C-alpha atoms as a PDB file:
ATOM      1  CA  MET A   1      -0.040  -0.134  -0.131  1.00  0.00           C
ATOM      2  CA  LYS A   2       1.208   3.418  -0.827  1.00  0.00           C
ATOM      3  CA  ALA A   3       2.207   5.686   2.056  1.00  0.00           C
ATOM      4  CA  SER A   4      -0.422   8.645   0.573  1.00  0.00           C
ATOM      5  CA  LYS A   5      -3.195   6.244   0.943  1.00  0.00           C
ATOM      6  CA  ILE A   6      -1.989   5.325   4.318  1.00  0.00           C
ATOM      7  CA  ARG A   7      -1.932   9.084   5.576  1.00  0.00           C
ATOM      8  CA  GLU A   8      -5.462   9.460   4.500  1.00  0.00           C
ATOM      9  CA  MET A   9      -6.539   6.624   7.108  1.00  0.00           C
ATOM     10  CA  SER A  10      -7.598   7.987  10.711  1.00  0.00           C
ATOM     11  CA  LEU A  11      -5.247   6.515  13.266  1.00  0.00           C
ATOM     12  CA  ASP A  12      -7.792   4.026  14.281  1.00  0.00           C
ATOM     13  CA  GLU A  13      -7.974   2.587  10.653  1.00  0.00           C
ATOM     14  CA  MET A  14      -4.282   2.527  10.538  1.00  0.00           C
ATOM     15  CA  ASN A  15      -3.982   0.355  13.772  1.00  0.00           C
ATOM     16  CA  ARG A  16      -6.633  -1.858  12.444  1.00  0.00           C
ATOM     17  CA  GLN A  17      -4.896  -2.363   9.174  1.00  0.00           C
ATOM     18  CA  LEU A  18      -1.590  -2.842  10.866  1.00  0.00           C
ATOM     19  CA  THR A  19      -3.092  -5.536  13.051  1.00  0.00           C
ATOM     20  CA  ALA A  20      -4.581  -7.420  10.188  1.00  0.00           C
ATOM     21  CA  LEU A  21      -1.170  -7.264   8.280  1.00  0.00           C
ATOM     22  CA  LYS A  22       0.594  -8.803  11.360  1.00  0.00           C
ATOM     23  CA  GLU A  23      -1.770 -11.678  11.143  1.00  0.00           C
ATOM     24  CA  THR A  24      -1.476 -12.102   7.481  1.00  0.00           C
ATOM     25  CA  TYR A  25       2.410 -12.026   7.883  1.00  0.00           C
ATOM     26  CA  PHE A  26       1.993 -14.756  10.561  1.00  0.00           C
ATOM     27  CA  ASN A  27      -0.078 -16.878   8.431  1.00  0.00           C
ATOM     28  CA  LEU A  28       2.280 -16.379   5.449  1.00  0.00           C
ATOM     29  CA  ARG A  29       5.406 -17.517   7.595  1.00  0.00           C
ATOM     30  CA  PHE A  30       3.429 -20.507   8.584  1.00  0.00           C
ATOM     31  CA  GLN A  31       2.546 -21.542   5.182  1.00  0.00           C
ATOM     32  CA  HIS A  32       6.121 -20.838   4.164  1.00  0.00           C
ATOM     33  CA  LYS A  33       7.493 -23.239   6.944  1.00  0.00           C
ATOM     34  CA  THR A  34       5.012 -25.879   5.847  1.00  0.00           C
ATOM     35  CA  GLY A  35       5.907 -25.537   2.192  1.00  0.00           C
ATOM     36  CA  GLN A  36       2.302 -24.367   1.013  1.00  0.00           C
ATOM     37  CA  LEU A  37       3.213 -20.788   0.069  1.00  0.00           C
ATOM     38  CA  GLU A  38       3.522 -20.394  -3.655  1.00  0.00           C
ATOM     39  CA  ASP A  39       4.639 -16.859  -3.959  1.00  0.00           C
ATOM     40  CA  SER A  40       7.516 -16.239  -1.158  1.00  0.00           C
ATOM     41  CA  SER A  41       7.712 -12.684  -2.255  1.00  0.00           C
ATOM     42  CA  MET A  42       4.522 -11.995  -0.167  1.00  0.00           C
ATOM     43  CA  LEU A  43       6.480 -12.339   2.730  1.00  0.00           C
ATOM     44  CA  LYS A  44       8.813  -9.432   2.000  1.00  0.00           C
ATOM     45  CA  LYS A  45       5.882  -7.153   0.489  1.00  0.00           C
ATOM     46  CA  THR A  46       3.836  -7.639   3.942  1.00  0.00           C
ATOM     47  CA  ARG A  47       6.673  -7.108   6.281  1.00  0.00           C
ATOM     48  CA  LEU A  48       7.437  -3.755   4.208  1.00  0.00           C
ATOM     49  CA  ASP A  49       3.766  -3.009   4.400  1.00  0.00           C
ATOM     50  CA  ILE A  50       3.959  -3.465   8.251  1.00  0.00           C
ATOM     51  CA  ALA A  51       6.994  -1.227   8.577  1.00  0.00           C
ATOM     52  CA  ARG A  52       5.455   1.320   6.447  1.00  0.00           C
ATOM     53  CA  PHE A  53       2.270   1.421   8.686  1.00  0.00           C
ATOM     54  CA  LYS A  54       4.386   1.543  11.769  1.00  0.00           C
ATOM     55  CA  THR A  55       6.591   4.349  10.620  1.00  0.00           C
ATOM     56  CA  ILE A  56       3.464   6.730   9.394  1.00  0.00           C
ATOM     57  CA  ILE A  57       1.639   5.855  12.775  1.00  0.00           C
ATOM     58  CA  LYS A  58       4.626   6.940  14.581  1.00  0.00           C
ATOM     59  CA  GLN A  59       4.740  10.321  12.763  1.00  0.00           C
ATOM     60  CA  THR A  60       1.095  11.040  13.204  1.00  0.00           C
ATOM     61  CA  GLN A  61       0.761  10.050  16.861  1.00  0.00           C
ATOM     62  CA  PRO A  62       2.810  13.281  18.316  1.00  0.00           C
ATOM     63  CA  THR A  63       0.300  15.584  16.071  1.00  0.00           C
ATOM     64  CA  GLU A  64      -2.645  13.616  17.410  1.00  0.00           C
ATOM     65  CA  GLN A  65      -1.524  14.067  20.909  1.00  0.00           C
ATOM     66  CA  GLN A  66      -0.946  17.743  20.593  1.00  0.00           C
ATOM     67  CA  ALA A  67      -4.621  18.449  18.886  1.00  0.00           C
ATOM     68  CA  GLY A  68      -6.319  16.327  21.164  1.00  0.00           C
END
């Protein structure tokens, strides 16, 4: 997912999406270990999306706390 689309989300939406990505990453790792994963590039893409979400959440939290 692109950073511009992530920045358009609210903080709650970002946290929900991050949780879903973490679950997806866990399932992908499990499939990879059992030999059922066909596209191993999904591991890297999901890991990068998780990092992107964490970065943007961290960037937006201080501004959210000051405003509220």
